[in-house]
């Protein structure tokens, strides 16, 4: 989903589950995170809010984001 939404030049299997998504990891920035949030909202039926105090943890890695999505999804 991330690779497709952001048109990344990496294969999905190359993204390590515990690697950082932004900064030194996958190299995503805040605009990329906004784009991911929109895709998640459409696909899973809930919004990732910019004022969520847990955003640093939610967006810390693919595994963390997947865990959060699984706990929140309505679709």
PDB file of N, CA and C in Angstrom:
ATOM      1  N   UNK A   1       0.822  -1.183   0.000  1.00  0.00           N
ATOM      2  CA  UNK A   1       0.000   0.000   0.000  1.00  0.00           C
ATOM      3  C   UNK A   1       0.877   1.263   0.000  1.00  0.00           C
ATOM      4  N   UNK A   2       1.908   1.266   0.821  1.00  0.00           N
ATOM      5  CA  UNK A   2       2.805   2.421   0.903  1.00  0.00           C
ATOM      6  C   UNK A   2       3.554   2.615  -0.412  1.00  0.00           C
ATOM      7  N   UNK A   3       4.077   1.545  -0.941  1.00  0.00           N
ATOM      8  CA  UNK A   3       4.839   1.611  -2.192  1.00  0.00           C
ATOM      9  C   UNK A   3       3.954   2.152  -3.308  1.00  0.00           C
ATOM     10  N   UNK A   4       2.744   1.647  -3.399  1.00  0.00           N
ATOM     11  CA  UNK A   4       1.816   2.080  -4.438  1.00  0.00           C
ATOM     12  C   UNK A   4       1.372   3.526  -4.246  1.00  0.00           C
ATOM     13  N   UNK A   5       0.999   3.895  -3.031  1.00  0.00           N
ATOM     14  CA  UNK A   5       0.493   5.245  -2.756  1.00  0.00           C
ATOM     15  C   UNK A   5       1.541   6.323  -3.007  1.00  0.00           C
ATOM     16  N   UNK A   6       2.803   6.002  -2.722  1.00  0.00           N
ATOM     17  CA  UNK A   6       3.868   6.999  -2.835  1.00  0.00           C
ATOM     18  C   UNK A   6       4.732   6.811  -4.074  1.00  0.00           C
ATOM     19  N   UNK A   7       4.398   5.816  -4.885  1.00  0.00           N
ATOM     20  CA  UNK A   7       5.182   5.517  -6.085  1.00  0.00           C
ATOM     21  C   UNK A   7       6.666   5.347  -5.762  1.00  0.00           C
ATOM     22  N   UNK A   8       6.938   4.564  -4.733  1.00  0.00           N
ATOM     23  CA  UNK A   8       8.316   4.351  -4.306  1.00  0.00           C
ATOM     24  C   UNK A   8       9.036   3.413  -5.265  1.00  0.00           C
ATOM     25  N   UNK A   9      10.320   3.598  -5.364  1.00  0.00           N
ATOM     26  CA  UNK A   9      11.148   2.739  -6.212  1.00  0.00           C
ATOM     27  C   UNK A   9      11.775   1.628  -5.381  1.00  0.00           C
ATOM     28  N   UNK A  10      10.938   0.974  -4.613  1.00  0.00           N
ATOM     29  CA  UNK A  10      11.353  -0.146  -3.766  1.00  0.00           C
ATOM     30  C   UNK A  10      10.221  -1.166  -3.826  1.00  0.00           C
ATOM     31  N   UNK A  11      10.578  -2.423  -3.713  1.00  0.00           N
ATOM     32  CA  UNK A  11       9.571  -3.478  -3.705  1.00  0.00           C
ATOM     33  C   UNK A  11       9.022  -3.635  -2.288  1.00  0.00           C
ATOM     34  N   UNK A  12       7.741  -3.955  -2.139  1.00  0.00           N
ATOM     35  CA  UNK A  12       7.163  -4.098  -0.798  1.00  0.00           C
ATOM     36  C   UNK A  12       7.948  -5.049   0.114  1.00  0.00           C
ATOM     37  N   UNK A  13       8.437  -6.145  -0.421  1.00  0.00           N
ATOM     38  CA  UNK A  13       9.173  -7.108   0.415  1.00  0.00           C
ATOM     39  C   UNK A  13      10.523  -6.568   0.885  1.00  0.00           C
ATOM     40  N   UNK A  14      10.971  -5.464   0.318  1.00  0.00           N
ATOM     41  CA  UNK A  14      12.245  -4.863   0.723  1.00  0.00           C
ATOM     42  C   UNK A  14      12.103  -3.949   1.937  1.00  0.00           C
ATOM     43  N   UNK A  15      10.873  -3.647   2.319  1.00  0.00           N
ATOM     44  CA  UNK A  15      10.644  -2.791   3.486  1.00  0.00           C
ATOM     45  C   UNK A  15      10.651  -3.676   4.726  1.00  0.00           C
ATOM     46  N   UNK A  16      11.620  -3.467   5.567  1.00  0.00           N
ATOM     47  CA  UNK A  16      11.742  -4.265   6.783  1.00  0.00           C
ATOM     48  C   UNK A  16      10.682  -3.833   7.793  1.00  0.00           C
ATOM     49  N   UNK A  17       9.997  -4.770   8.428  1.00  0.00           N
ATOM     50  CA  UNK A  17       8.890  -4.444   9.331  1.00  0.00           C
ATOM     51  C   UNK A  17       9.253  -3.504  10.480  1.00  0.00           C
ATOM     52  N   UNK A  18      10.473  -3.588  10.984  1.00  0.00           N
ATOM     53  CA  UNK A  18      10.854  -2.758  12.126  1.00  0.00           C
ATOM     54  C   UNK A  18      11.744  -1.570  11.763  1.00  0.00           C
ATOM     55  N   UNK A  19      12.009  -1.380  10.474  1.00  0.00           N
ATOM     56  CA  UNK A  19      12.823  -0.240  10.045  1.00  0.00           C
ATOM     57  C   UNK A  19      11.990   1.048  10.130  1.00  0.00           C
ATOM     58  N   UNK A  20      12.657   2.134  10.417  1.00  0.00           N
ATOM     59  CA  UNK A  20      11.970   3.429  10.501  1.00  0.00           C
ATOM     60  C   UNK A  20      11.366   3.793   9.148  1.00  0.00           C
ATOM     61  N   UNK A  21      10.174   4.369   9.185  1.00  0.00           N
ATOM     62  CA  UNK A  21       9.536   4.793   7.939  1.00  0.00           C
ATOM     63  C   UNK A  21      10.045   6.152   7.472  1.00  0.00           C
ATOM     64  N   UNK A  22      10.372   7.019   8.416  1.00  0.00           N
ATOM     65  CA  UNK A  22      10.860   8.340   8.022  1.00  0.00           C
ATOM     66  C   UNK A  22      12.248   8.572   8.576  1.00  0.00           C
ATOM     67  N   UNK A  23      12.841   9.630   8.100  1.00  0.00           N
ATOM     68  CA  UNK A  23      14.214   9.907   8.518  1.00  0.00           C
ATOM     69  C   UNK A  23      15.184   8.952   7.861  1.00  0.00           C
ATOM     70  N   UNK A  24      16.042   8.327   8.661  1.00  0.00           N
ATOM     71  CA  UNK A  24      17.093   7.460   8.137  1.00  0.00           C
ATOM     72  C   UNK A  24      16.598   6.120   7.603  1.00  0.00           C
ATOM     73  N   UNK A  25      15.389   5.738   7.924  1.00  0.00           N
ATOM     74  CA  UNK A  25      14.861   4.451   7.469  1.00  0.00           C
ATOM     75  C   UNK A  25      14.474   4.494   6.002  1.00  0.00           C
ATOM     76  N   UNK A  26      13.184   4.444   5.732  1.00  0.00           N
ATOM     77  CA  UNK A  26      12.677   4.461   4.366  1.00  0.00           C
ATOM     78  C   UNK A  26      12.816   5.850   3.743  1.00  0.00           C
ATOM     79  N   UNK A  27      13.043   6.858   4.578  1.00  0.00           N
ATOM     80  CA  UNK A  27      13.292   8.205   4.079  1.00  0.00           C
ATOM     81  C   UNK A  27      12.050   9.011   3.776  1.00  0.00           C
ATOM     82  N   UNK A  28      10.909   8.621   4.346  1.00  0.00           N
ATOM     83  CA  UNK A  28       9.672   9.360   4.106  1.00  0.00           C
ATOM     84  C   UNK A  28       9.669  10.647   4.915  1.00  0.00           C
ATOM     85  N   UNK A  29       8.859  11.604   4.463  1.00  0.00           N
ATOM     86  CA  UNK A  29       8.736  12.871   5.180  1.00  0.00           C
ATOM     87  C   UNK A  29       7.285  13.092   5.599  1.00  0.00           C
ATOM     88  N   UNK A  30       6.992  14.241   6.168  1.00  0.00           N
ATOM     89  CA  UNK A  30       5.651  14.505   6.694  1.00  0.00           C
ATOM     90  C   UNK A  30       4.589  14.520   5.591  1.00  0.00           C
ATOM     91  N   UNK A  31       4.926  14.943   4.412  1.00  0.00           N
ATOM     92  CA  UNK A  31       3.975  14.924   3.293  1.00  0.00           C
ATOM     93  C   UNK A  31       3.655  13.479   2.922  1.00  0.00           C
ATOM     94  N   UNK A  32       4.671  12.622   2.924  1.00  0.00           N
ATOM     95  CA  UNK A  32       4.451  11.199   2.659  1.00  0.00           C
ATOM     96  C   UNK A  32       3.527  10.595   3.714  1.00  0.00           C
ATOM     97  N   UNK A  33       3.733  10.961   4.967  1.00  0.00           N
ATOM     98  CA  UNK A  33       2.899  10.439   6.048  1.00  0.00           C
ATOM     99  C   UNK A  33       1.450  10.893   5.886  1.00  0.00           C
ATOM    100  N   UNK A  34       1.258  12.123   5.432  1.00  0.00           N
ATOM    101  CA  UNK A  34      -0.093  12.617   5.170  1.00  0.00           C
ATOM    102  C   UNK A  34      -0.754  11.791   4.077  1.00  0.00           C
ATOM    103  N   UNK A  35      -0.020  11.504   3.033  1.00  0.00           N
ATOM    104  CA  UNK A  35      -0.528  10.690   1.926  1.00  0.00           C
ATOM    105  C   UNK A  35      -0.894   9.286   2.413  1.00  0.00           C
ATOM    106  N   UNK A  36      -0.051   8.698   3.224  1.00  0.00           N
ATOM    107  CA  UNK A  36      -0.338   7.381   3.792  1.00  0.00           C
ATOM    108  C   UNK A  36      -1.599   7.433   4.649  1.00  0.00           C
ATOM    109  N   UNK A  37      -1.732   8.487   5.443  1.00  0.00           N
ATOM    110  CA  UNK A  37      -2.912   8.645   6.294  1.00  0.00           C
ATOM    111  C   UNK A  37      -4.192   8.683   5.477  1.00  0.00           C
ATOM    112  N   UNK A  38      -4.159   9.361   4.350  1.00  0.00           N
ATOM    113  CA  UNK A  38      -5.339   9.441   3.488  1.00  0.00           C
ATOM    114  C   UNK A  38      -5.702   8.079   2.905  1.00  0.00           C
ATOM    115  N   UNK A  39      -4.705   7.339   2.483  1.00  0.00           N
ATOM    116  CA  UNK A  39      -4.945   6.001   1.935  1.00  0.00           C
ATOM    117  C   UNK A  39      -5.506   5.075   3.019  1.00  0.00           C
ATOM    118  N   UNK A  40      -4.959   5.135   4.207  1.00  0.00           N
ATOM    119  CA  UNK A  40      -5.446   4.314   5.317  1.00  0.00           C
ATOM    120  C   UNK A  40      -6.888   4.669   5.638  1.00  0.00           C
ATOM    121  N   UNK A  41      -7.194   5.943   5.669  1.00  0.00           N
ATOM    122  CA  UNK A  41      -8.556   6.393   5.947  1.00  0.00           C
ATOM    123  C   UNK A  41      -9.551   5.820   4.943  1.00  0.00           C
ATOM    124  N   UNK A  42      -9.208   5.890   3.681  1.00  0.00           N
ATOM    125  CA  UNK A  42     -10.098   5.380   2.637  1.00  0.00           C
ATOM    126  C   UNK A  42     -10.230   3.862   2.699  1.00  0.00           C
ATOM    127  N   UNK A  43      -9.136   3.188   2.929  1.00  0.00           N
ATOM    128  CA  UNK A  43      -9.134   1.724   2.876  1.00  0.00           C
ATOM    129  C   UNK A  43      -9.705   1.070   4.132  1.00  0.00           C
ATOM    130  N   UNK A  44      -9.440   1.662   5.302  1.00  0.00           N
ATOM    131  CA  UNK A  44      -9.787   0.988   6.546  1.00  0.00           C
ATOM    132  C   UNK A  44     -10.872   1.677   7.367  1.00  0.00           C
ATOM    133  N   UNK A  45     -11.369   2.808   6.926  1.00  0.00           N
ATOM    134  CA  UNK A  45     -12.531   3.413   7.569  1.00  0.00           C
ATOM    135  C   UNK A  45     -12.282   4.170   8.859  1.00  0.00           C
ATOM    136  N   UNK A  46     -11.085   4.628   9.099  1.00  0.00           N
ATOM    137  CA  UNK A  46     -10.825   5.489  10.256  1.00  0.00           C
ATOM    138  C   UNK A  46      -9.735   6.491   9.888  1.00  0.00           C
ATOM    139  N   UNK A  47      -9.660   7.571  10.645  1.00  0.00           N
ATOM    140  CA  UNK A  47      -8.687   8.614  10.338  1.00  0.00           C
ATOM    141  C   UNK A  47      -7.513   8.583  11.295  1.00  0.00           C
ATOM    142  N   UNK A  48      -6.334   8.759  10.734  1.00  0.00           N
ATOM    143  CA  UNK A  48      -5.141   8.990  11.538  1.00  0.00           C
ATOM    144  C   UNK A  48      -5.037  10.500  11.697  1.00  0.00           C
ATOM    145  N   UNK A  49      -5.185  10.972  12.890  1.00  0.00           N
ATOM    146  CA  UNK A  49      -5.246  12.412  13.141  1.00  0.00           C
ATOM    147  C   UNK A  49      -3.863  12.998  13.415  1.00  0.00           C
ATOM    148  N   UNK A  50      -3.647  14.192  12.927  1.00  0.00           N
ATOM    149  CA  UNK A  50      -2.351  14.851  13.112  1.00  0.00           C
ATOM    150  C   UNK A  50      -2.104  15.234  14.571  1.00  0.00           C
ATOM    151  N   UNK A  51      -3.179  15.354  15.368  1.00  0.00           N
ATOM    152  CA  UNK A  51      -3.017  15.738  16.768  1.00  0.00           C
ATOM    153  C   UNK A  51      -2.968  14.535  17.721  1.00  0.00           C
ATOM    154  N   UNK A  52      -2.847  13.330  17.168  1.00  0.00           N
ATOM    155  CA  UNK A  52      -2.744  12.143  18.005  1.00  0.00           C
ATOM    156  C   UNK A  52      -1.384  12.143  18.706  1.00  0.00           C
ATOM    157  N   UNK A  53      -1.403  12.080  20.018  1.00  0.00           N
ATOM    158  CA  UNK A  53      -0.155  12.137  20.786  1.00  0.00           C
ATOM    159  C   UNK A  53       0.740  10.924  20.540  1.00  0.00           C
ATOM    160  N   UNK A  54       0.194   9.872  19.935  1.00  0.00           N
ATOM    161  CA  UNK A  54       0.957   8.657  19.682  1.00  0.00           C
ATOM    162  C   UNK A  54       1.490   8.558  18.259  1.00  0.00           C
ATOM    163  N   UNK A  55       1.427   9.620  17.478  1.00  0.00           N
ATOM    164  CA  UNK A  55       1.859   9.562  16.075  1.00  0.00           C
ATOM    165  C   UNK A  55       3.308   9.123  15.906  1.00  0.00           C
ATOM    166  N   UNK A  56       4.185   9.557  16.785  1.00  0.00           N
ATOM    167  CA  UNK A  56       5.596   9.144  16.670  1.00  0.00           C
ATOM    168  C   UNK A  56       5.707   7.621  16.753  1.00  0.00           C
ATOM    169  N   UNK A  57       4.925   7.020  17.631  1.00  0.00           N
ATOM    170  CA  UNK A  57       4.936   5.560  17.769  1.00  0.00           C
ATOM    171  C   UNK A  57       4.220   4.903  16.592  1.00  0.00           C
ATOM    172  N   UNK A  58       3.058   5.417  16.213  1.00  0.00           N
ATOM    173  CA  UNK A  58       2.266   4.834  15.124  1.00  0.00           C
ATOM    174  C   UNK A  58       3.069   4.790  13.835  1.00  0.00           C
ATOM    175  N   UNK A  59       3.754   5.875  13.523  1.00  0.00           N
ATOM    176  CA  UNK A  59       4.507   5.980  12.274  1.00  0.00           C
ATOM    177  C   UNK A  59       5.975   5.548  12.406  1.00  0.00           C
ATOM    178  N   UNK A  60       6.339   4.952  13.524  1.00  0.00           N
ATOM    179  CA  UNK A  60       7.746   4.621  13.738  1.00  0.00           C
ATOM    180  C   UNK A  60       8.245   3.517  12.810  1.00  0.00           C
ATOM    181  N   UNK A  61       7.381   2.569  12.459  1.00  0.00           N
ATOM    182  CA  UNK A  61       7.786   1.472  11.578  1.00  0.00           C
ATOM    183  C   UNK A  61       6.556   0.879  10.913  1.00  0.00           C
ATOM    184  N   UNK A  62       6.778   0.056   9.935  1.00  0.00           N
ATOM    185  CA  UNK A  62       5.682  -0.633   9.259  1.00  0.00           C
ATOM    186  C   UNK A  62       4.932  -1.516  10.250  1.00  0.00           C
ATOM    187  N   UNK A  63       5.664  -2.222  11.093  1.00  0.00           N
ATOM    188  CA  UNK A  63       5.023  -3.093  12.083  1.00  0.00           C
ATOM    189  C   UNK A  63       4.144  -2.286  13.041  1.00  0.00           C
ATOM    190  N   UNK A  64       4.645  -1.158  13.522  1.00  0.00           N
ATOM    191  CA  UNK A  64       3.869  -0.325  14.447  1.00  0.00           C
ATOM    192  C   UNK A  64       2.610   0.210  13.770  1.00  0.00           C
ATOM    193  N   UNK A  65       2.736   0.637  12.526  1.00  0.00           N
ATOM    194  CA  UNK A  65       1.583   1.161  11.809  1.00  0.00           C
ATOM    195  C   UNK A  65       0.554   0.054  11.562  1.00  0.00           C
ATOM    196  N   UNK A  66       0.994  -1.125  11.188  1.00  0.00           N
ATOM    197  CA  UNK A  66       0.093  -2.259  10.955  1.00  0.00           C
ATOM    198  C   UNK A  66      -0.633  -2.657  12.241  1.00  0.00           C
ATOM    199  N   UNK A  67       0.080  -2.657  13.340  1.00  0.00           N
ATOM    200  CA  UNK A  67      -0.524  -2.982  14.634  1.00  0.00           C
ATOM    201  C   UNK A  67      -1.606  -1.976  14.980  1.00  0.00           C
ATOM    202  N   UNK A  68      -1.326  -0.699  14.760  1.00  0.00           N
ATOM    203  CA  UNK A  68      -2.307   0.334  15.058  1.00  0.00           C
ATOM    204  C   UNK A  68      -3.526   0.203  14.134  1.00  0.00           C
ATOM    205  N   UNK A  69      -3.295  -0.019  12.860  1.00  0.00           N
ATOM    206  CA  UNK A  69      -4.394  -0.166  11.909  1.00  0.00           C
ATOM    207  C   UNK A  69      -5.284  -1.337  12.332  1.00  0.00           C
ATOM    208  N   UNK A  70      -4.678  -2.459  12.686  1.00  0.00           N
ATOM    209  CA  UNK A  70      -5.438  -3.635  13.101  1.00  0.00           C
ATOM    210  C   UNK A  70      -6.310  -3.349  14.327  1.00  0.00           C
ATOM    211  N   UNK A  71      -5.839  -2.492  15.203  1.00  0.00           N
ATOM    212  CA  UNK A  71      -6.600  -2.186  16.417  1.00  0.00           C
ATOM    213  C   UNK A  71      -7.717  -1.169  16.178  1.00  0.00           C
ATOM    214  N   UNK A  72      -7.656  -0.440  15.070  1.00  0.00           N
ATOM    215  CA  UNK A  72      -8.604   0.651  14.822  1.00  0.00           C
ATOM    216  C   UNK A  72      -9.570   0.413  13.666  1.00  0.00           C
ATOM    217  N   UNK A  73      -9.245  -0.458  12.767  1.00  0.00           N
ATOM    218  CA  UNK A  73      -9.988  -0.575  11.513  1.00  0.00           C
ATOM    219  C   UNK A  73     -11.447  -0.963  11.722  1.00  0.00           C
ATOM    220  N   UNK A  74     -12.264  -0.412  10.842  1.00  0.00           N
ATOM    221  CA  UNK A  74     -13.687  -0.715  10.862  1.00  0.00           C
ATOM    222  C   UNK A  74     -14.112  -1.468   9.616  1.00  0.00           C
ATOM    223  N   UNK A  75     -13.250  -1.561   8.622  1.00  0.00           N
ATOM    224  CA  UNK A  75     -13.568  -2.258   7.367  1.00  0.00           C
ATOM    225  C   UNK A  75     -12.745  -3.511   7.252  1.00  0.00           C
TER     226      UNK A  75
END
